[in-house]
């Protein structure tokens, strides 16, 4: 989400797998 300079709210969905990894 930093490497993509132009984005909308919908891009934040990619964080879902990352949150699961952090939780593990």
PDBML (XML) file of the C-alpha atoms, coordinates in Angstrom:
<?xml version="1.0" encoding="UTF-8" ?>
<PDBx:datablock datablockName="MODEL"
   xmlns:PDBx="http://pdbml.pdb.org/schema/pdbx-v50.xsd"
   xmlns:xsi="http://www.w3.org/2001/XMLSchema-instance"
   xsi:schemaLocation="http://pdbml.pdb.org/schema/pdbx-v50.xsd pdbx-v50.xsd">
   <PDBx:atom_siteCategory>
      <PDBx:atom_site id="1">
         <PDBx:B_iso_or_equiv>0.00</PDBx:B_iso_or_equiv>
         <PDBx:Cartn_x>0.000</PDBx:Cartn_x>
         <PDBx:Cartn_y>0.000</PDBx:Cartn_y>
         <PDBx:Cartn_z>0.000</PDBx:Cartn_z>
         <PDBx:auth_asym_id>A</PDBx:auth_asym_id>
         <PDBx:auth_atom_id>CA</PDBx:auth_atom_id>
         <PDBx:auth_comp_id>UNK</PDBx:auth_comp_id>
         <PDBx:auth_seq_id>1</PDBx:auth_seq_id>
         <PDBx:group_PDB>ATOM</PDBx:group_PDB>
         <PDBx:label_alt_id xsi:nil="true" />
         <PDBx:label_asym_id>A</PDBx:label_asym_id>
         <PDBx:label_atom_id>CA</PDBx:label_atom_id>
         <PDBx:label_comp_id>UNK</PDBx:label_comp_id>
         <PDBx:label_entity_id>1</PDBx:label_entity_id>
         <PDBx:label_seq_id>1</PDBx:label_seq_id>
         <PDBx:occupancy>1.00</PDBx:occupancy>
         <PDBx:pdbx_PDB_model_num>1</PDBx:pdbx_PDB_model_num>
         <PDBx:type_symbol>C</PDBx:type_symbol>
      </PDBx:atom_site>
      <PDBx:atom_site id="2">
         <PDBx:B_iso_or_equiv>0.00</PDBx:B_iso_or_equiv>
         <PDBx:Cartn_x>3.062</PDBx:Cartn_x>
         <PDBx:Cartn_y>2.248</PDBx:Cartn_y>
         <PDBx:Cartn_z>0.085</PDBx:Cartn_z>
         <PDBx:auth_asym_id>A</PDBx:auth_asym_id>
         <PDBx:auth_atom_id>CA</PDBx:auth_atom_id>
         <PDBx:auth_comp_id>UNK</PDBx:auth_comp_id>
         <PDBx:auth_seq_id>2</PDBx:auth_seq_id>
         <PDBx:group_PDB>ATOM</PDBx:group_PDB>
         <PDBx:label_alt_id xsi:nil="true" />
         <PDBx:label_asym_id>A</PDBx:label_asym_id>
         <PDBx:label_atom_id>CA</PDBx:label_atom_id>
         <PDBx:label_comp_id>UNK</PDBx:label_comp_id>
         <PDBx:label_entity_id>1</PDBx:label_entity_id>
         <PDBx:label_seq_id>2</PDBx:label_seq_id>
         <PDBx:occupancy>1.00</PDBx:occupancy>
         <PDBx:pdbx_PDB_model_num>1</PDBx:pdbx_PDB_model_num>
         <PDBx:type_symbol>C</PDBx:type_symbol>
      </PDBx:atom_site>
      <PDBx:atom_site id="3">
         <PDBx:B_iso_or_equiv>0.00</PDBx:B_iso_or_equiv>
         <PDBx:Cartn_x>4.449</PDBx:Cartn_x>
         <PDBx:Cartn_y>0.952</PDBx:Cartn_y>
         <PDBx:Cartn_z>-3.218</PDBx:Cartn_z>
         <PDBx:auth_asym_id>A</PDBx:auth_asym_id>
         <PDBx:auth_atom_id>CA</PDBx:auth_atom_id>
         <PDBx:auth_comp_id>UNK</PDBx:auth_comp_id>
         <PDBx:auth_seq_id>3</PDBx:auth_seq_id>
         <PDBx:group_PDB>ATOM</PDBx:group_PDB>
         <PDBx:label_alt_id xsi:nil="true" />
         <PDBx:label_asym_id>A</PDBx:label_asym_id>
         <PDBx:label_atom_id>CA</PDBx:label_atom_id>
         <PDBx:label_comp_id>UNK</PDBx:label_comp_id>
         <PDBx:label_entity_id>1</PDBx:label_entity_id>
         <PDBx:label_seq_id>3</PDBx:label_seq_id>
         <PDBx:occupancy>1.00</PDBx:occupancy>
         <PDBx:pdbx_PDB_model_num>1</PDBx:pdbx_PDB_model_num>
         <PDBx:type_symbol>C</PDBx:type_symbol>
      </PDBx:atom_site>
      <PDBx:atom_site id="4">
         <PDBx:B_iso_or_equiv>0.00</PDBx:B_iso_or_equiv>
         <PDBx:Cartn_x>1.140</PDBx:Cartn_x>
         <PDBx:Cartn_y>1.826</PDBx:Cartn_y>
         <PDBx:Cartn_z>-4.948</PDBx:Cartn_z>
         <PDBx:auth_asym_id>A</PDBx:auth_asym_id>
         <PDBx:auth_atom_id>CA</PDBx:auth_atom_id>
         <PDBx:auth_comp_id>UNK</PDBx:auth_comp_id>
         <PDBx:auth_seq_id>4</PDBx:auth_seq_id>
         <PDBx:group_PDB>ATOM</PDBx:group_PDB>
         <PDBx:label_alt_id xsi:nil="true" />
         <PDBx:label_asym_id>A</PDBx:label_asym_id>
         <PDBx:label_atom_id>CA</PDBx:label_atom_id>
         <PDBx:label_comp_id>UNK</PDBx:label_comp_id>
         <PDBx:label_entity_id>1</PDBx:label_entity_id>
         <PDBx:label_seq_id>4</PDBx:label_seq_id>
         <PDBx:occupancy>1.00</PDBx:occupancy>
         <PDBx:pdbx_PDB_model_num>1</PDBx:pdbx_PDB_model_num>
         <PDBx:type_symbol>C</PDBx:type_symbol>
      </PDBx:atom_site>
      <PDBx:atom_site id="5">
         <PDBx:B_iso_or_equiv>0.00</PDBx:B_iso_or_equiv>
         <PDBx:Cartn_x>1.001</PDBx:Cartn_x>
         <PDBx:Cartn_y>5.656</PDBx:Cartn_y>
         <PDBx:Cartn_z>-4.951</PDBx:Cartn_z>
         <PDBx:auth_asym_id>A</PDBx:auth_asym_id>
         <PDBx:auth_atom_id>CA</PDBx:auth_atom_id>
         <PDBx:auth_comp_id>UNK</PDBx:auth_comp_id>
         <PDBx:auth_seq_id>5</PDBx:auth_seq_id>
         <PDBx:group_PDB>ATOM</PDBx:group_PDB>
         <PDBx:label_alt_id xsi:nil="true" />
         <PDBx:label_asym_id>A</PDBx:label_asym_id>
         <PDBx:label_atom_id>CA</PDBx:label_atom_id>
         <PDBx:label_comp_id>UNK</PDBx:label_comp_id>
         <PDBx:label_entity_id>1</PDBx:label_entity_id>
         <PDBx:label_seq_id>5</PDBx:label_seq_id>
         <PDBx:occupancy>1.00</PDBx:occupancy>
         <PDBx:pdbx_PDB_model_num>1</PDBx:pdbx_PDB_model_num>
         <PDBx:type_symbol>C</PDBx:type_symbol>
      </PDBx:atom_site>
      <PDBx:atom_site id="6">
         <PDBx:B_iso_or_equiv>0.00</PDBx:B_iso_or_equiv>
         <PDBx:Cartn_x>-2.600</PDBx:Cartn_x>
         <PDBx:Cartn_y>5.925</PDBx:Cartn_y>
         <PDBx:Cartn_z>-6.180</PDBx:Cartn_z>
         <PDBx:auth_asym_id>A</PDBx:auth_asym_id>
         <PDBx:auth_atom_id>CA</PDBx:auth_atom_id>
         <PDBx:auth_comp_id>UNK</PDBx:auth_comp_id>
         <PDBx:auth_seq_id>6</PDBx:auth_seq_id>
         <PDBx:group_PDB>ATOM</PDBx:group_PDB>
         <PDBx:label_alt_id xsi:nil="true" />
         <PDBx:label_asym_id>A</PDBx:label_asym_id>
         <PDBx:label_atom_id>CA</PDBx:label_atom_id>
         <PDBx:label_comp_id>UNK</PDBx:label_comp_id>
         <PDBx:label_entity_id>1</PDBx:label_entity_id>
         <PDBx:label_seq_id>6</PDBx:label_seq_id>
         <PDBx:occupancy>1.00</PDBx:occupancy>
         <PDBx:pdbx_PDB_model_num>1</PDBx:pdbx_PDB_model_num>
         <PDBx:type_symbol>C</PDBx:type_symbol>
      </PDBx:atom_site>
      <PDBx:atom_site id="7">
         <PDBx:B_iso_or_equiv>0.00</PDBx:B_iso_or_equiv>
         <PDBx:Cartn_x>-5.246</PDBx:Cartn_x>
         <PDBx:Cartn_y>3.825</PDBx:Cartn_y>
         <PDBx:Cartn_z>-4.479</PDBx:Cartn_z>
         <PDBx:auth_asym_id>A</PDBx:auth_asym_id>
         <PDBx:auth_atom_id>CA</PDBx:auth_atom_id>
         <PDBx:auth_comp_id>UNK</PDBx:auth_comp_id>
         <PDBx:auth_seq_id>7</PDBx:auth_seq_id>
         <PDBx:group_PDB>ATOM</PDBx:group_PDB>
         <PDBx:label_alt_id xsi:nil="true" />
         <PDBx:label_asym_id>A</PDBx:label_asym_id>
         <PDBx:label_atom_id>CA</PDBx:label_atom_id>
         <PDBx:label_comp_id>UNK</PDBx:label_comp_id>
         <PDBx:label_entity_id>1</PDBx:label_entity_id>
         <PDBx:label_seq_id>7</PDBx:label_seq_id>
         <PDBx:occupancy>1.00</PDBx:occupancy>
         <PDBx:pdbx_PDB_model_num>1</PDBx:pdbx_PDB_model_num>
         <PDBx:type_symbol>C</PDBx:type_symbol>
      </PDBx:atom_site>
      <PDBx:atom_site id="8">
         <PDBx:B_iso_or_equiv>0.00</PDBx:B_iso_or_equiv>
         <PDBx:Cartn_x>-8.676</PDBx:Cartn_x>
         <PDBx:Cartn_y>3.774</PDBx:Cartn_y>
         <PDBx:Cartn_z>-2.904</PDBx:Cartn_z>
         <PDBx:auth_asym_id>A</PDBx:auth_asym_id>
         <PDBx:auth_atom_id>CA</PDBx:auth_atom_id>
         <PDBx:auth_comp_id>UNK</PDBx:auth_comp_id>
         <PDBx:auth_seq_id>8</PDBx:auth_seq_id>
         <PDBx:group_PDB>ATOM</PDBx:group_PDB>
         <PDBx:label_alt_id xsi:nil="true" />
         <PDBx:label_asym_id>A</PDBx:label_asym_id>
         <PDBx:label_atom_id>CA</PDBx:label_atom_id>
         <PDBx:label_comp_id>UNK</PDBx:label_comp_id>
         <PDBx:label_entity_id>1</PDBx:label_entity_id>
         <PDBx:label_seq_id>8</PDBx:label_seq_id>
         <PDBx:occupancy>1.00</PDBx:occupancy>
         <PDBx:pdbx_PDB_model_num>1</PDBx:pdbx_PDB_model_num>
         <PDBx:type_symbol>C</PDBx:type_symbol>
      </PDBx:atom_site>
      <PDBx:atom_site id="9">
         <PDBx:B_iso_or_equiv>0.00</PDBx:B_iso_or_equiv>
         <PDBx:Cartn_x>-10.210</PDBx:Cartn_x>
         <PDBx:Cartn_y>2.267</PDBx:Cartn_y>
         <PDBx:Cartn_z>0.211</PDBx:Cartn_z>
         <PDBx:auth_asym_id>A</PDBx:auth_asym_id>
         <PDBx:auth_atom_id>CA</PDBx:auth_atom_id>
         <PDBx:auth_comp_id>UNK</PDBx:auth_comp_id>
         <PDBx:auth_seq_id>9</PDBx:auth_seq_id>
         <PDBx:group_PDB>ATOM</PDBx:group_PDB>
         <PDBx:label_alt_id xsi:nil="true" />
         <PDBx:label_asym_id>A</PDBx:label_asym_id>
         <PDBx:label_atom_id>CA</PDBx:label_atom_id>
         <PDBx:label_comp_id>UNK</PDBx:label_comp_id>
         <PDBx:label_entity_id>1</PDBx:label_entity_id>
         <PDBx:label_seq_id>9</PDBx:label_seq_id>
         <PDBx:occupancy>1.00</PDBx:occupancy>
         <PDBx:pdbx_PDB_model_num>1</PDBx:pdbx_PDB_model_num>
         <PDBx:type_symbol>C</PDBx:type_symbol>
      </PDBx:atom_site>
      <PDBx:atom_site id="10">
         <PDBx:B_iso_or_equiv>0.00</PDBx:B_iso_or_equiv>
         <PDBx:Cartn_x>-10.705</PDBx:Cartn_x>
         <PDBx:Cartn_y>-1.052</PDBx:Cartn_y>
         <PDBx:Cartn_z>-1.614</PDBx:Cartn_z>
         <PDBx:auth_asym_id>A</PDBx:auth_asym_id>
         <PDBx:auth_atom_id>CA</PDBx:auth_atom_id>
         <PDBx:auth_comp_id>UNK</PDBx:auth_comp_id>
         <PDBx:auth_seq_id>10</PDBx:auth_seq_id>
         <PDBx:group_PDB>ATOM</PDBx:group_PDB>
         <PDBx:label_alt_id xsi:nil="true" />
         <PDBx:label_asym_id>A</PDBx:label_asym_id>
         <PDBx:label_atom_id>CA</PDBx:label_atom_id>
         <PDBx:label_comp_id>UNK</PDBx:label_comp_id>
         <PDBx:label_entity_id>1</PDBx:label_entity_id>
         <PDBx:label_seq_id>10</PDBx:label_seq_id>
         <PDBx:occupancy>1.00</PDBx:occupancy>
         <PDBx:pdbx_PDB_model_num>1</PDBx:pdbx_PDB_model_num>
         <PDBx:type_symbol>C</PDBx:type_symbol>
      </PDBx:atom_site>
      <PDBx:atom_site id="11">
         <PDBx:B_iso_or_equiv>0.00</PDBx:B_iso_or_equiv>
         <PDBx:Cartn_x>-6.943</PDBx:Cartn_x>
         <PDBx:Cartn_y>-1.633</PDBx:Cartn_y>
         <PDBx:Cartn_z>-1.760</PDBx:Cartn_z>
         <PDBx:auth_asym_id>A</PDBx:auth_asym_id>
         <PDBx:auth_atom_id>CA</PDBx:auth_atom_id>
         <PDBx:auth_comp_id>UNK</PDBx:auth_comp_id>
         <PDBx:auth_seq_id>11</PDBx:auth_seq_id>
         <PDBx:group_PDB>ATOM</PDBx:group_PDB>
         <PDBx:label_alt_id xsi:nil="true" />
         <PDBx:label_asym_id>A</PDBx:label_asym_id>
         <PDBx:label_atom_id>CA</PDBx:label_atom_id>
         <PDBx:label_comp_id>UNK</PDBx:label_comp_id>
         <PDBx:label_entity_id>1</PDBx:label_entity_id>
         <PDBx:label_seq_id>11</PDBx:label_seq_id>
         <PDBx:occupancy>1.00</PDBx:occupancy>
         <PDBx:pdbx_PDB_model_num>1</PDBx:pdbx_PDB_model_num>
         <PDBx:type_symbol>C</PDBx:type_symbol>
      </PDBx:atom_site>
      <PDBx:atom_site id="12">
         <PDBx:B_iso_or_equiv>0.00</PDBx:B_iso_or_equiv>
         <PDBx:Cartn_x>-6.784</PDBx:Cartn_x>
         <PDBx:Cartn_y>-2.070</PDBx:Cartn_y>
         <PDBx:Cartn_z>2.015</PDBx:Cartn_z>
         <PDBx:auth_asym_id>A</PDBx:auth_asym_id>
         <PDBx:auth_atom_id>CA</PDBx:auth_atom_id>
         <PDBx:auth_comp_id>UNK</PDBx:auth_comp_id>
         <PDBx:auth_seq_id>12</PDBx:auth_seq_id>
         <PDBx:group_PDB>ATOM</PDBx:group_PDB>
         <PDBx:label_alt_id xsi:nil="true" />
         <PDBx:label_asym_id>A</PDBx:label_asym_id>
         <PDBx:label_atom_id>CA</PDBx:label_atom_id>
         <PDBx:label_comp_id>UNK</PDBx:label_comp_id>
         <PDBx:label_entity_id>1</PDBx:label_entity_id>
         <PDBx:label_seq_id>12</PDBx:label_seq_id>
         <PDBx:occupancy>1.00</PDBx:occupancy>
         <PDBx:pdbx_PDB_model_num>1</PDBx:pdbx_PDB_model_num>
         <PDBx:type_symbol>C</PDBx:type_symbol>
      </PDBx:atom_site>
      <PDBx:atom_site id="13">
         <PDBx:B_iso_or_equiv>0.00</PDBx:B_iso_or_equiv>
         <PDBx:Cartn_x>-8.477</PDBx:Cartn_x>
         <PDBx:Cartn_y>-5.452</PDBx:Cartn_y>
         <PDBx:Cartn_z>1.670</PDBx:Cartn_z>
         <PDBx:auth_asym_id>A</PDBx:auth_asym_id>
         <PDBx:auth_atom_id>CA</PDBx:auth_atom_id>
         <PDBx:auth_comp_id>UNK</PDBx:auth_comp_id>
         <PDBx:auth_seq_id>13</PDBx:auth_seq_id>
         <PDBx:group_PDB>ATOM</PDBx:group_PDB>
         <PDBx:label_alt_id xsi:nil="true" />
         <PDBx:label_asym_id>A</PDBx:label_asym_id>
         <PDBx:label_atom_id>CA</PDBx:label_atom_id>
         <PDBx:label_comp_id>UNK</PDBx:label_comp_id>
         <PDBx:label_entity_id>1</PDBx:label_entity_id>
         <PDBx:label_seq_id>13</PDBx:label_seq_id>
         <PDBx:occupancy>1.00</PDBx:occupancy>
         <PDBx:pdbx_PDB_model_num>1</PDBx:pdbx_PDB_model_num>
         <PDBx:type_symbol>C</PDBx:type_symbol>
      </PDBx:atom_site>
      <PDBx:atom_site id="14">
         <PDBx:B_iso_or_equiv>0.00</PDBx:B_iso_or_equiv>
         <PDBx:Cartn_x>-5.087</PDBx:Cartn_x>
         <PDBx:Cartn_y>-7.008</PDBx:Cartn_y>
         <PDBx:Cartn_z>0.897</PDBx:Cartn_z>
         <PDBx:auth_asym_id>A</PDBx:auth_asym_id>
         <PDBx:auth_atom_id>CA</PDBx:auth_atom_id>
         <PDBx:auth_comp_id>UNK</PDBx:auth_comp_id>
         <PDBx:auth_seq_id>14</PDBx:auth_seq_id>
         <PDBx:group_PDB>ATOM</PDBx:group_PDB>
         <PDBx:label_alt_id xsi:nil="true" />
         <PDBx:label_asym_id>A</PDBx:label_asym_id>
         <PDBx:label_atom_id>CA</PDBx:label_atom_id>
         <PDBx:label_comp_id>UNK</PDBx:label_comp_id>
         <PDBx:label_entity_id>1</PDBx:label_entity_id>
         <PDBx:label_seq_id>14</PDBx:label_seq_id>
         <PDBx:occupancy>1.00</PDBx:occupancy>
         <PDBx:pdbx_PDB_model_num>1</PDBx:pdbx_PDB_model_num>
         <PDBx:type_symbol>C</PDBx:type_symbol>
      </PDBx:atom_site>
      <PDBx:atom_site id="15">
         <PDBx:B_iso_or_equiv>0.00</PDBx:B_iso_or_equiv>
         <PDBx:Cartn_x>-4.171</PDBx:Cartn_x>
         <PDBx:Cartn_y>-6.529</PDBx:Cartn_y>
         <PDBx:Cartn_z>4.563</PDBx:Cartn_z>
         <PDBx:auth_asym_id>A</PDBx:auth_asym_id>
         <PDBx:auth_atom_id>CA</PDBx:auth_atom_id>
         <PDBx:auth_comp_id>UNK</PDBx:auth_comp_id>
         <PDBx:auth_seq_id>15</PDBx:auth_seq_id>
         <PDBx:group_PDB>ATOM</PDBx:group_PDB>
         <PDBx:label_alt_id xsi:nil="true" />
         <PDBx:label_asym_id>A</PDBx:label_asym_id>
         <PDBx:label_atom_id>CA</PDBx:label_atom_id>
         <PDBx:label_comp_id>UNK</PDBx:label_comp_id>
         <PDBx:label_entity_id>1</PDBx:label_entity_id>
         <PDBx:label_seq_id>15</PDBx:label_seq_id>
         <PDBx:occupancy>1.00</PDBx:occupancy>
         <PDBx:pdbx_PDB_model_num>1</PDBx:pdbx_PDB_model_num>
         <PDBx:type_symbol>C</PDBx:type_symbol>
      </PDBx:atom_site>
      <PDBx:atom_site id="16">
         <PDBx:B_iso_or_equiv>0.00</PDBx:B_iso_or_equiv>
         <PDBx:Cartn_x>-6.562</PDBx:Cartn_x>
         <PDBx:Cartn_y>-9.304</PDBx:Cartn_y>
         <PDBx:Cartn_z>5.623</PDBx:Cartn_z>
         <PDBx:auth_asym_id>A</PDBx:auth_asym_id>
         <PDBx:auth_atom_id>CA</PDBx:auth_atom_id>
         <PDBx:auth_comp_id>UNK</PDBx:auth_comp_id>
         <PDBx:auth_seq_id>16</PDBx:auth_seq_id>
         <PDBx:group_PDB>ATOM</PDBx:group_PDB>
         <PDBx:label_alt_id xsi:nil="true" />
         <PDBx:label_asym_id>A</PDBx:label_asym_id>
         <PDBx:label_atom_id>CA</PDBx:label_atom_id>
         <PDBx:label_comp_id>UNK</PDBx:label_comp_id>
         <PDBx:label_entity_id>1</PDBx:label_entity_id>
         <PDBx:label_seq_id>16</PDBx:label_seq_id>
         <PDBx:occupancy>1.00</PDBx:occupancy>
         <PDBx:pdbx_PDB_model_num>1</PDBx:pdbx_PDB_model_num>
         <PDBx:type_symbol>C</PDBx:type_symbol>
      </PDBx:atom_site>
      <PDBx:atom_site id="17">
         <PDBx:B_iso_or_equiv>0.00</PDBx:B_iso_or_equiv>
         <PDBx:Cartn_x>-4.070</PDBx:Cartn_x>
         <PDBx:Cartn_y>-12.155</PDBx:Cartn_y>
         <PDBx:Cartn_z>5.016</PDBx:Cartn_z>
         <PDBx:auth_asym_id>A</PDBx:auth_asym_id>
         <PDBx:auth_atom_id>CA</PDBx:auth_atom_id>
         <PDBx:auth_comp_id>UNK</PDBx:auth_comp_id>
         <PDBx:auth_seq_id>17</PDBx:auth_seq_id>
         <PDBx:group_PDB>ATOM</PDBx:group_PDB>
         <PDBx:label_alt_id xsi:nil="true" />
         <PDBx:label_asym_id>A</PDBx:label_asym_id>
         <PDBx:label_atom_id>CA</PDBx:label_atom_id>
         <PDBx:label_comp_id>UNK</PDBx:label_comp_id>
         <PDBx:label_entity_id>1</PDBx:label_entity_id>
         <PDBx:label_seq_id>17</PDBx:label_seq_id>
         <PDBx:occupancy>1.00</PDBx:occupancy>
         <PDBx:pdbx_PDB_model_num>1</PDBx:pdbx_PDB_model_num>
         <PDBx:type_symbol>C</PDBx:type_symbol>
      </PDBx:atom_site>
      <PDBx:atom_site id="18">
         <PDBx:B_iso_or_equiv>0.00</PDBx:B_iso_or_equiv>
         <PDBx:Cartn_x>-1.348</PDBx:Cartn_x>
         <PDBx:Cartn_y>-10.058</PDBx:Cartn_y>
         <PDBx:Cartn_z>6.655</PDBx:Cartn_z>
         <PDBx:auth_asym_id>A</PDBx:auth_asym_id>
         <PDBx:auth_atom_id>CA</PDBx:auth_atom_id>
         <PDBx:auth_comp_id>UNK</PDBx:auth_comp_id>
         <PDBx:auth_seq_id>18</PDBx:auth_seq_id>
         <PDBx:group_PDB>ATOM</PDBx:group_PDB>
         <PDBx:label_alt_id xsi:nil="true" />
         <PDBx:label_asym_id>A</PDBx:label_asym_id>
         <PDBx:label_atom_id>CA</PDBx:label_atom_id>
         <PDBx:label_comp_id>UNK</PDBx:label_comp_id>
         <PDBx:label_entity_id>1</PDBx:label_entity_id>
         <PDBx:label_seq_id>18</PDBx:label_seq_id>
         <PDBx:occupancy>1.00</PDBx:occupancy>
         <PDBx:pdbx_PDB_model_num>1</PDBx:pdbx_PDB_model_num>
         <PDBx:type_symbol>C</PDBx:type_symbol>
      </PDBx:atom_site>
      <PDBx:atom_site id="19">
         <PDBx:B_iso_or_equiv>0.00</PDBx:B_iso_or_equiv>
         <PDBx:Cartn_x>-3.441</PDBx:Cartn_x>
         <PDBx:Cartn_y>-9.637</PDBx:Cartn_y>
         <PDBx:Cartn_z>9.819</PDBx:Cartn_z>
         <PDBx:auth_asym_id>A</PDBx:auth_asym_id>
         <PDBx:auth_atom_id>CA</PDBx:auth_atom_id>
         <PDBx:auth_comp_id>UNK</PDBx:auth_comp_id>
         <PDBx:auth_seq_id>19</PDBx:auth_seq_id>
         <PDBx:group_PDB>ATOM</PDBx:group_PDB>
         <PDBx:label_alt_id xsi:nil="true" />
         <PDBx:label_asym_id>A</PDBx:label_asym_id>
         <PDBx:label_atom_id>CA</PDBx:label_atom_id>
         <PDBx:label_comp_id>UNK</PDBx:label_comp_id>
         <PDBx:label_entity_id>1</PDBx:label_entity_id>
         <PDBx:label_seq_id>19</PDBx:label_seq_id>
         <PDBx:occupancy>1.00</PDBx:occupancy>
         <PDBx:pdbx_PDB_model_num>1</PDBx:pdbx_PDB_model_num>
         <PDBx:type_symbol>C</PDBx:type_symbol>
      </PDBx:atom_site>
      <PDBx:atom_site id="20">
         <PDBx:B_iso_or_equiv>0.00</PDBx:B_iso_or_equiv>
         <PDBx:Cartn_x>-3.883</PDBx:Cartn_x>
         <PDBx:Cartn_y>-13.425</PDBx:Cartn_y>
         <PDBx:Cartn_z>9.995</PDBx:Cartn_z>
         <PDBx:auth_asym_id>A</PDBx:auth_asym_id>
         <PDBx:auth_atom_id>CA</PDBx:auth_atom_id>
         <PDBx:auth_comp_id>UNK</PDBx:auth_comp_id>
         <PDBx:auth_seq_id>20</PDBx:auth_seq_id>
         <PDBx:group_PDB>ATOM</PDBx:group_PDB>
         <PDBx:label_alt_id xsi:nil="true" />
         <PDBx:label_asym_id>A</PDBx:label_asym_id>
         <PDBx:label_atom_id>CA</PDBx:label_atom_id>
         <PDBx:label_comp_id>UNK</PDBx:label_comp_id>
         <PDBx:label_entity_id>1</PDBx:label_entity_id>
         <PDBx:label_seq_id>20</PDBx:label_seq_id>
         <PDBx:occupancy>1.00</PDBx:occupancy>
         <PDBx:pdbx_PDB_model_num>1</PDBx:pdbx_PDB_model_num>
         <PDBx:type_symbol>C</PDBx:type_symbol>
      </PDBx:atom_site>
      <PDBx:atom_site id="21">
         <PDBx:B_iso_or_equiv>0.00</PDBx:B_iso_or_equiv>
         <PDBx:Cartn_x>-0.127</PDBx:Cartn_x>
         <PDBx:Cartn_y>-13.908</PDBx:Cartn_y>
         <PDBx:Cartn_z>9.648</PDBx:Cartn_z>
         <PDBx:auth_asym_id>A</PDBx:auth_asym_id>
         <PDBx:auth_atom_id>CA</PDBx:auth_atom_id>
         <PDBx:auth_comp_id>UNK</PDBx:auth_comp_id>
         <PDBx:auth_seq_id>21</PDBx:auth_seq_id>
         <PDBx:group_PDB>ATOM</PDBx:group_PDB>
         <PDBx:label_alt_id xsi:nil="true" />
         <PDBx:label_asym_id>A</PDBx:label_asym_id>
         <PDBx:label_atom_id>CA</PDBx:label_atom_id>
         <PDBx:label_comp_id>UNK</PDBx:label_comp_id>
         <PDBx:label_entity_id>1</PDBx:label_entity_id>
         <PDBx:label_seq_id>21</PDBx:label_seq_id>
         <PDBx:occupancy>1.00</PDBx:occupancy>
         <PDBx:pdbx_PDB_model_num>1</PDBx:pdbx_PDB_model_num>
         <PDBx:type_symbol>C</PDBx:type_symbol>
      </PDBx:atom_site>
      <PDBx:atom_site id="22">
         <PDBx:B_iso_or_equiv>0.00</PDBx:B_iso_or_equiv>
         <PDBx:Cartn_x>0.482</PDBx:Cartn_x>
         <PDBx:Cartn_y>-11.417</PDBx:Cartn_y>
         <PDBx:Cartn_z>12.451</PDBx:Cartn_z>
         <PDBx:auth_asym_id>A</PDBx:auth_asym_id>
         <PDBx:auth_atom_id>CA</PDBx:auth_atom_id>
         <PDBx:auth_comp_id>UNK</PDBx:auth_comp_id>
         <PDBx:auth_seq_id>22</PDBx:auth_seq_id>
         <PDBx:group_PDB>ATOM</PDBx:group_PDB>
         <PDBx:label_alt_id xsi:nil="true" />
         <PDBx:label_asym_id>A</PDBx:label_asym_id>
         <PDBx:label_atom_id>CA</PDBx:label_atom_id>
         <PDBx:label_comp_id>UNK</PDBx:label_comp_id>
         <PDBx:label_entity_id>1</PDBx:label_entity_id>
         <PDBx:label_seq_id>22</PDBx:label_seq_id>
         <PDBx:occupancy>1.00</PDBx:occupancy>
         <PDBx:pdbx_PDB_model_num>1</PDBx:pdbx_PDB_model_num>
         <PDBx:type_symbol>C</PDBx:type_symbol>
      </PDBx:atom_site>
      <PDBx:atom_site id="23">
         <PDBx:B_iso_or_equiv>0.00</PDBx:B_iso_or_equiv>
         <PDBx:Cartn_x>-2.118</PDBx:Cartn_x>
         <PDBx:Cartn_y>-13.148</PDBx:Cartn_y>
         <PDBx:Cartn_z>14.625</PDBx:Cartn_z>
         <PDBx:auth_asym_id>A</PDBx:auth_asym_id>
         <PDBx:auth_atom_id>CA</PDBx:auth_atom_id>
         <PDBx:auth_comp_id>UNK</PDBx:auth_comp_id>
         <PDBx:auth_seq_id>23</PDBx:auth_seq_id>
         <PDBx:group_PDB>ATOM</PDBx:group_PDB>
         <PDBx:label_alt_id xsi:nil="true" />
         <PDBx:label_asym_id>A</PDBx:label_asym_id>
         <PDBx:label_atom_id>CA</PDBx:label_atom_id>
         <PDBx:label_comp_id>UNK</PDBx:label_comp_id>
         <PDBx:label_entity_id>1</PDBx:label_entity_id>
         <PDBx:label_seq_id>23</PDBx:label_seq_id>
         <PDBx:occupancy>1.00</PDBx:occupancy>
         <PDBx:pdbx_PDB_model_num>1</PDBx:pdbx_PDB_model_num>
         <PDBx:type_symbol>C</PDBx:type_symbol>
      </PDBx:atom_site>
      <PDBx:atom_site id="24">
         <PDBx:B_iso_or_equiv>0.00</PDBx:B_iso_or_equiv>
         <PDBx:Cartn_x>-0.422</PDBx:Cartn_x>
         <PDBx:Cartn_y>-16.503</PDBx:Cartn_y>
         <PDBx:Cartn_z>14.111</PDBx:Cartn_z>
         <PDBx:auth_asym_id>A</PDBx:auth_asym_id>
         <PDBx:auth_atom_id>CA</PDBx:auth_atom_id>
         <PDBx:auth_comp_id>UNK</PDBx:auth_comp_id>
         <PDBx:auth_seq_id>24</PDBx:auth_seq_id>
         <PDBx:group_PDB>ATOM</PDBx:group_PDB>
         <PDBx:label_alt_id xsi:nil="true" />
         <PDBx:label_asym_id>A</PDBx:label_asym_id>
         <PDBx:label_atom_id>CA</PDBx:label_atom_id>
         <PDBx:label_comp_id>UNK</PDBx:label_comp_id>
         <PDBx:label_entity_id>1</PDBx:label_entity_id>
         <PDBx:label_seq_id>24</PDBx:label_seq_id>
         <PDBx:occupancy>1.00</PDBx:occupancy>
         <PDBx:pdbx_PDB_model_num>1</PDBx:pdbx_PDB_model_num>
         <PDBx:type_symbol>C</PDBx:type_symbol>
      </PDBx:atom_site>
   </PDBx:atom_siteCategory>
</PDBx:datablock>
